[in-house]
Amino acid sequence: MSEDIAGALATPLAGRGLVCVDATAGPAGPHRVLRVLVDRDVQALDPSDTTSRIAPLTLDEVAEATGIVGQALDDSGLMGERPYTLEVSSPGVGRPLTGYAAFRRNVGRLVTVTLTTGESATARVQAVTPDDLRVEVPAGRKTPAQQRTIPLQRVRSGAVQVEFSRADDPADADVQDSQDSQEEEEWSHSSSAPAAGEKD
């Protein structure tokens, strides 16, 4: 179902420069809950732009996305007639990074990168292409900073390290907004024939 939902949301979200990152449905007591993650669509970037920083979604943008997602699902009929609760949020800094789009959205951030070999290192993402990840490993006490280019196919995952001391980085000034965006924007849906104990 998640692929069907992502497909139904693709065009409506694209109009706001967004994309469905994930969609999962499951029970919550007698009800159903559909959780949808949305983020900025990096596919529209100029292919030569590998280094620009992408701001996290604001609470207002998540709220707007919630309305778009809810309307698109109503129009598609994918969720059927049973009532459900819709929760829309941004992935936030706690979600593991996998693939080009996830790393591209985190240019400028400090990320712990784990390779398919099991090796890992914490480095700052400097540039991302569909094929490669360019990072800078910070200098140590006895070693200078090191630049590394890693094929994305060798990267298993990444984990964003939240920094609160980089006042010169506008992206980090939005960290709290990004985290707050994960506080669910809920839209309670009721069908025309609600189940017992449920209200329209």
C-alpha atoms as a PDB file:
ATOM      1  CA  MET A   1       0.000   0.000   0.000  1.00  0.00           C
ATOM      2  CA  SER A   2       2.860   2.417   0.761  1.00  0.00           C
ATOM      3  CA  GLU A   3       3.849   2.559  -2.919  1.00  0.00           C
ATOM      4  CA  ASP A   4       0.246   3.265  -3.930  1.00  0.00           C
ATOM      5  CA  ILE A   5       0.021   6.054  -1.365  1.00  0.00           C
ATOM      6  CA  ALA A   6       3.337   7.561  -2.468  1.00  0.00           C
ATOM      7  CA  GLY A   7       2.114   7.465  -6.053  1.00  0.00           C
ATOM      8  CA  ALA A   8      -1.154   9.205  -5.165  1.00  0.00           C
ATOM      9  CA  LEU A   9       0.737  11.936  -3.297  1.00  0.00           C
ATOM     10  CA  ALA A  10       3.478  12.529  -5.867  1.00  0.00           C
ATOM     11  CA  THR A  11       1.719  15.111  -8.053  1.00  0.00           C
ATOM     12  CA  PRO A  12      -0.069  17.093  -5.290  1.00  0.00           C
ATOM     13  CA  LEU A  13       3.124  17.362  -3.215  1.00  0.00           C
ATOM     14  CA  ALA A  14       5.285  18.208  -6.231  1.00  0.00           C
ATOM     15  CA  GLY A  15       3.279  21.410  -6.606  1.00  0.00           C
ATOM     16  CA  ARG A  16       4.816  22.539  -3.292  1.00  0.00           C
ATOM     17  CA  GLY A  17       8.295  21.213  -4.045  1.00  0.00           C
ATOM     18  CA  LEU A  18       7.800  18.256  -1.684  1.00  0.00           C
ATOM     19  CA  VAL A  19       8.006  14.491  -1.942  1.00  0.00           C
ATOM     20  CA  CYS A  20       6.643  11.571   0.081  1.00  0.00           C
ATOM     21  CA  VAL A  21       9.621   9.898   1.751  1.00  0.00           C
ATOM     22  CA  ASP A  22       7.699   7.105   3.462  1.00  0.00           C
ATOM     23  CA  ALA A  23       4.159   6.031   4.305  1.00  0.00           C
ATOM     24  CA  THR A  24       3.150   3.356   6.791  1.00  0.00           C
ATOM     25  CA  ALA A  25      -0.296   2.295   7.972  1.00  0.00           C
ATOM     26  CA  GLY A  26      -1.078   0.322  11.099  1.00  0.00           C
ATOM     27  CA  PRO A  27      -3.595  -0.216  13.882  1.00  0.00           C
ATOM     28  CA  ALA A  28      -3.845   1.989  16.949  1.00  0.00           C
ATOM     29  CA  GLY A  29      -6.382   0.290  19.191  1.00  0.00           C
ATOM     30  CA  PRO A  30      -9.694   0.135  17.331  1.00  0.00           C
ATOM     31  CA  HIS A  31      -8.527   2.797  14.878  1.00  0.00           C
ATOM     32  CA  ARG A  32      -6.078   3.000  11.993  1.00  0.00           C
ATOM     33  CA  VAL A  33      -3.132   5.395  11.773  1.00  0.00           C
ATOM     34  CA  LEU A  34      -1.419   6.422   8.552  1.00  0.00           C
ATOM     35  CA  ARG A  35       1.998   8.016   9.073  1.00  0.00           C
ATOM     36  CA  VAL A  36       3.413   9.952   6.141  1.00  0.00           C
ATOM     37  CA  LEU A  37       6.886  11.493   5.992  1.00  0.00           C
ATOM     38  CA  VAL A  38       7.421  14.380   3.575  1.00  0.00           C
ATOM     39  CA  ASP A  39      10.514  16.374   2.674  1.00  0.00           C
ATOM     40  CA  ARG A  40      11.870  18.730   0.047  1.00  0.00           C
ATOM     41  CA  ASP A  41      12.208  17.298  -3.454  1.00  0.00           C
ATOM     42  CA  VAL A  42      15.875  17.514  -4.448  1.00  0.00           C
ATOM     43  CA  GLN A  43      15.329  16.053  -7.906  1.00  0.00           C
ATOM     44  CA  ALA A  44      14.423  19.518  -9.206  1.00  0.00           C
ATOM     45  CA  LEU A  45      17.848  20.920  -8.300  1.00  0.00           C
ATOM     46  CA  ASP A  46      20.243  21.885 -11.076  1.00  0.00           C
ATOM     47  CA  PRO A  47      22.449  18.810 -11.653  1.00  0.00           C
ATOM     48  CA  SER A  48      25.525  21.008 -11.243  1.00  0.00           C
ATOM     49  CA  ASP A  49      24.365  22.114  -7.788  1.00  0.00           C
ATOM     50  CA  THR A  50      25.938  19.631  -5.412  1.00  0.00           C
ATOM     51  CA  THR A  51      26.764  21.912  -2.481  1.00  0.00           C
ATOM     52  CA  SER A  52      23.851  24.260  -1.675  1.00  0.00           C
ATOM     53  CA  ARG A  53      22.276  23.846   1.746  1.00  0.00           C
ATOM     54  CA  ILE A  54      18.638  22.873   1.991  1.00  0.00           C
ATOM     55  CA  ALA A  55      16.567  24.247   4.857  1.00  0.00           C
ATOM     56  CA  PRO A  56      14.471  21.787   6.890  1.00  0.00           C
ATOM     57  CA  LEU A  57      10.701  22.006   6.608  1.00  0.00           C
ATOM     58  CA  THR A  58       8.999  24.509   8.901  1.00  0.00           C
ATOM     59  CA  LEU A  59       5.969  23.731  11.023  1.00  0.00           C
ATOM     60  CA  ASP A  60       3.821  25.805   8.661  1.00  0.00           C
ATOM     61  CA  GLU A  61       5.033  23.785   5.686  1.00  0.00           C
ATOM     62  CA  VAL A  62       4.280  20.524   7.477  1.00  0.00           C
ATOM     63  CA  ALA A  63       0.804  21.798   8.315  1.00  0.00           C
ATOM     64  CA  GLU A  64       0.219  22.732   4.676  1.00  0.00           C
ATOM     65  CA  ALA A  65       1.507  19.331   3.553  1.00  0.00           C
ATOM     66  CA  THR A  66      -0.940  17.674   5.944  1.00  0.00           C
ATOM     67  CA  GLY A  67      -3.845  19.349   4.173  1.00  0.00           C
ATOM     68  CA  ILE A  68      -2.490  18.392   0.748  1.00  0.00           C
ATOM     69  CA  VAL A  69      -1.946  14.764   1.770  1.00  0.00           C
ATOM     70  CA  GLY A  70      -5.375  14.465   3.394  1.00  0.00           C
ATOM     71  CA  GLN A  71      -7.164  15.859   0.335  1.00  0.00           C
ATOM     72  CA  ALA A  72      -5.196  13.650  -2.055  1.00  0.00           C
ATOM     73  CA  LEU A  73      -6.024  10.546  -0.036  1.00  0.00           C
ATOM     74  CA  ASP A  74      -9.704  11.487   0.072  1.00  0.00           C
ATOM     75  CA  ASP A  75      -9.709  11.927  -3.699  1.00  0.00           C
ATOM     76  CA  SER A  76      -7.885   8.637  -4.324  1.00  0.00           C
ATOM     77  CA  GLY A  77     -10.066   6.483  -2.057  1.00  0.00           C
ATOM     78  CA  LEU A  78      -7.018   4.405  -1.133  1.00  0.00           C
ATOM     79  CA  MET A  79      -7.862   4.371   2.567  1.00  0.00           C
ATOM     80  CA  GLY A  80     -11.380   3.073   2.027  1.00  0.00           C
ATOM     81  CA  GLU A  81     -14.360   4.007   4.186  1.00  0.00           C
ATOM     82  CA  ARG A  82     -13.013   3.071   7.617  1.00  0.00           C
ATOM     83  CA  PRO A  83     -12.030   6.094   9.754  1.00  0.00           C
ATOM     84  CA  TYR A  84      -8.325   6.707  10.235  1.00  0.00           C
ATOM     85  CA  THR A  85      -5.959   9.252  11.721  1.00  0.00           C
ATOM     86  CA  LEU A  86      -3.411  10.893   9.455  1.00  0.00           C
ATOM     87  CA  GLU A  87      -0.044  11.915  10.886  1.00  0.00           C
ATOM     88  CA  VAL A  88       2.264  13.934   8.635  1.00  0.00           C
ATOM     89  CA  SER A  89       5.773  14.974   9.636  1.00  0.00           C
ATOM     90  CA  SER A  90       9.226  15.628   8.251  1.00  0.00           C
ATOM     91  CA  PRO A  91      11.827  12.853   8.658  1.00  0.00           C
ATOM     92  CA  GLY A  92      13.763  14.930  11.185  1.00  0.00           C
ATOM     93  CA  VAL A  93      17.380  14.477  12.221  1.00  0.00           C
ATOM     94  CA  GLY A  94      16.816  11.108  13.894  1.00  0.00           C
ATOM     95  CA  ARG A  95      15.958   9.199  10.713  1.00  0.00           C
ATOM     96  CA  PRO A  96      18.867   7.241   9.167  1.00  0.00           C
ATOM     97  CA  LEU A  97      20.134   8.661   5.879  1.00  0.00           C
ATOM     98  CA  THR A  98      20.132   6.313   2.904  1.00  0.00           C
ATOM     99  CA  GLY A  99      20.561   7.198  -0.751  1.00  0.00           C
ATOM    100  CA  TYR A 100      21.293  10.347  -2.706  1.00  0.00           C
ATOM    101  CA  ALA A 101      18.268  12.459  -1.742  1.00  0.00           C
ATOM    102  CA  ALA A 102      18.670  11.981   2.012  1.00  0.00           C
ATOM    103  CA  PHE A 103      22.356  12.911   1.978  1.00  0.00           C
ATOM    104  CA  ARG A 104      21.782  15.807  -0.442  1.00  0.00           C
ATOM    105  CA  ARG A 105      19.317  17.375   2.002  1.00  0.00           C
ATOM    106  CA  ASN A 106      22.023  17.292   4.671  1.00  0.00           C
ATOM    107  CA  VAL A 107      24.897  19.068   2.937  1.00  0.00           C
ATOM    108  CA  GLY A 108      26.740  21.118   5.557  1.00  0.00           C
ATOM    109  CA  ARG A 109      25.819  18.882   8.451  1.00  0.00           C
ATOM    110  CA  LEU A 110      28.020  16.653  10.570  1.00  0.00           C
ATOM    111  CA  VAL A 111      27.084  13.050   9.817  1.00  0.00           C
ATOM    112  CA  THR A 112      28.330   9.683  11.017  1.00  0.00           C
ATOM    113  CA  VAL A 113      28.711   7.664   7.828  1.00  0.00           C
ATOM    114  CA  THR A 114      28.675   3.855   7.994  1.00  0.00           C
ATOM    115  CA  LEU A 115      30.027   1.960   5.008  1.00  0.00           C
ATOM    116  CA  THR A 116      28.917  -1.435   3.726  1.00  0.00           C
ATOM    117  CA  THR A 117      32.197  -2.811   5.109  1.00  0.00           C
ATOM    118  CA  GLY A 118      31.142  -1.837   8.627  1.00  0.00           C
ATOM    119  CA  GLU A 119      33.633   1.038   8.880  1.00  0.00           C
ATOM    120  CA  SER A 120      32.276   4.344  10.144  1.00  0.00           C
ATOM    121  CA  ALA A 121      33.507   7.897  10.514  1.00  0.00           C
ATOM    122  CA  THR A 122      32.014  11.223  11.513  1.00  0.00           C
ATOM    123  CA  ALA A 123      32.506  13.880   8.856  1.00  0.00           C
ATOM    124  CA  ARG A 124      30.914  17.010   7.455  1.00  0.00           C
ATOM    125  CA  VAL A 125      28.992  16.534   4.216  1.00  0.00           C
ATOM    126  CA  GLN A 126      30.359  18.970   1.634  1.00  0.00           C
ATOM    127  CA  ALA A 127      28.826  17.812  -1.648  1.00  0.00           C
ATOM    128  CA  VAL A 128      26.557  15.062  -2.926  1.00  0.00           C
ATOM    129  CA  THR A 129      25.997  13.777  -6.457  1.00  0.00           C
ATOM    130  CA  PRO A 130      23.824  10.838  -7.508  1.00  0.00           C
ATOM    131  CA  ASP A 131      27.022   8.749  -7.462  1.00  0.00           C
ATOM    132  CA  ASP A 132      29.316  10.159  -4.783  1.00  0.00           C
ATOM    133  CA  LEU A 133      29.442  11.661  -1.322  1.00  0.00           C
ATOM    134  CA  ARG A 134      32.189  14.187  -0.569  1.00  0.00           C
ATOM    135  CA  VAL A 135      32.957  14.749   3.091  1.00  0.00           C
ATOM    136  CA  GLU A 136      35.547  16.401   5.288  1.00  0.00           C
ATOM    137  CA  VAL A 137      36.768  14.476   8.317  1.00  0.00           C
ATOM    138  CA  PRO A 138      37.494  17.090  11.019  1.00  0.00           C
ATOM    139  CA  ALA A 139      41.072  17.602  12.145  1.00  0.00           C
ATOM    140  CA  GLY A 140      42.237  15.696  15.186  1.00  0.00           C
ATOM    141  CA  ARG A 141      44.911  16.602  17.702  1.00  0.00           C
ATOM    142  CA  LYS A 142      47.612  15.119  15.523  1.00  0.00           C
ATOM    143  CA  THR A 143      45.957  14.878  12.123  1.00  0.00           C
ATOM    144  CA  PRO A 144      44.784  17.551   9.696  1.00  0.00           C
ATOM    145  CA  ALA A 145      41.275  17.616   8.265  1.00  0.00           C
ATOM    146  CA  GLN A 146      40.876  15.114   5.456  1.00  0.00           C
ATOM    147  CA  GLN A 147      38.755  15.281   2.314  1.00  0.00           C
ATOM    148  CA  ARG A 148      37.179  12.028   1.176  1.00  0.00           C
ATOM    149  CA  THR A 149      34.996  11.107  -1.778  1.00  0.00           C
ATOM    150  CA  ILE A 150      32.931   7.975  -1.192  1.00  0.00           C
ATOM    151  CA  PRO A 151      30.821   6.161  -3.798  1.00  0.00           C
ATOM    152  CA  LEU A 152      27.229   6.166  -2.531  1.00  0.00           C
ATOM    153  CA  GLN A 153      26.948   2.478  -3.339  1.00  0.00           C
ATOM    154  CA  ARG A 154      29.509   1.876  -0.575  1.00  0.00           C
ATOM    155  CA  VAL A 155      27.484   3.833   2.006  1.00  0.00           C
ATOM    156  CA  ARG A 156      25.125   1.785   4.165  1.00  0.00           C
ATOM    157  CA  SER A 157      23.648   4.682   6.130  1.00  0.00           C
ATOM    158  CA  GLY A 158      24.278   8.004   7.804  1.00  0.00           C
ATOM    159  CA  ALA A 159      23.243   9.532  11.123  1.00  0.00           C
ATOM    160  CA  VAL A 160      23.020  13.316  11.552  1.00  0.00           C
ATOM    161  CA  GLN A 161      24.882  14.678  14.578  1.00  0.00           C
ATOM    162  CA  VAL A 162      22.989  17.627  16.052  1.00  0.00           C
ATOM    163  CA  GLU A 163      25.203  20.633  16.722  1.00  0.00           C
ATOM    164  CA  PHE A 164      24.162  23.557  18.874  1.00  0.00           C
ATOM    165  CA  SER A 165      27.385  25.575  18.743  1.00  0.00           C
ATOM    166  CA  ARG A 166      27.546  26.523  15.045  1.00  0.00           C
ATOM    167  CA  ALA A 167      25.901  29.918  15.268  1.00  0.00           C
ATOM    168  CA  ASP A 168      27.318  30.801  11.835  1.00  0.00           C
ATOM    169  CA  ASP A 169      25.292  28.046  10.174  1.00  0.00           C
ATOM    170  CA  PRO A 170      21.719  29.064   9.318  1.00  0.00           C
ATOM    171  CA  ALA A 171      20.810  25.424   8.789  1.00  0.00           C
ATOM    172  CA  ASP A 172      21.703  24.590  12.375  1.00  0.00           C
ATOM    173  CA  ALA A 173      19.642  27.532  13.593  1.00  0.00           C
ATOM    174  CA  ASP A 174      16.676  25.605  12.208  1.00  0.00           C
ATOM    175  CA  VAL A 175      17.482  22.344  14.009  1.00  0.00           C
ATOM    176  CA  GLN A 176      14.819  22.923  16.621  1.00  0.00           C
ATOM    177  CA  ASP A 177      12.243  23.664  13.932  1.00  0.00           C
ATOM    178  CA  SER A 178      13.204  20.445  12.186  1.00  0.00           C
ATOM    179  CA  GLN A 179      12.776  18.479  15.380  1.00  0.00           C
ATOM    180  CA  ASP A 180       9.503  20.221  16.187  1.00  0.00           C
ATOM    181  CA  SER A 181       8.236  19.337  12.717  1.00  0.00           C
ATOM    182  CA  GLN A 182       8.132  15.745  13.886  1.00  0.00           C
ATOM    183  CA  GLU A 183       5.448  16.607  16.396  1.00  0.00           C
ATOM    184  CA  GLU A 184       2.597  15.103  14.459  1.00  0.00           C
ATOM    185  CA  GLU A 185       0.209  17.293  12.535  1.00  0.00           C
ATOM    186  CA  GLU A 186      -2.903  15.157  12.907  1.00  0.00           C
ATOM    187  CA  TRP A 187      -5.962  15.079  10.686  1.00  0.00           C
ATOM    188  CA  SER A 188      -8.656  12.762  11.992  1.00  0.00           C
ATOM    189  CA  HIS A 189     -10.645  11.236   9.147  1.00  0.00           C
ATOM    190  CA  SER A 190     -14.092   9.729   9.433  1.00  0.00           C
ATOM    191  CA  SER A 191     -15.891   7.915   6.659  1.00  0.00           C
ATOM    192  CA  SER A 192     -19.540   8.372   5.805  1.00  0.00           C
ATOM    193  CA  ALA A 193     -20.257   5.209   7.781  1.00  0.00           C
ATOM    194  CA  PRO A 194     -18.228   5.464  11.003  1.00  0.00           C
ATOM    195  CA  ALA A 195     -17.566   2.392  13.097  1.00  0.00           C
ATOM    196  CA  ALA A 196     -19.260   1.971  16.439  1.00  0.00           C
ATOM    197  CA  GLY A 197     -17.989   4.434  18.986  1.00  0.00           C
ATOM    198  CA  GLU A 198     -16.488   6.742  16.344  1.00  0.00           C
ATOM    199  CA  LYS A 199     -17.736  10.151  15.409  1.00  0.00           C
ATOM    200  CA  ASP A 200     -17.736  12.046  12.157  1.00  0.00           C
END
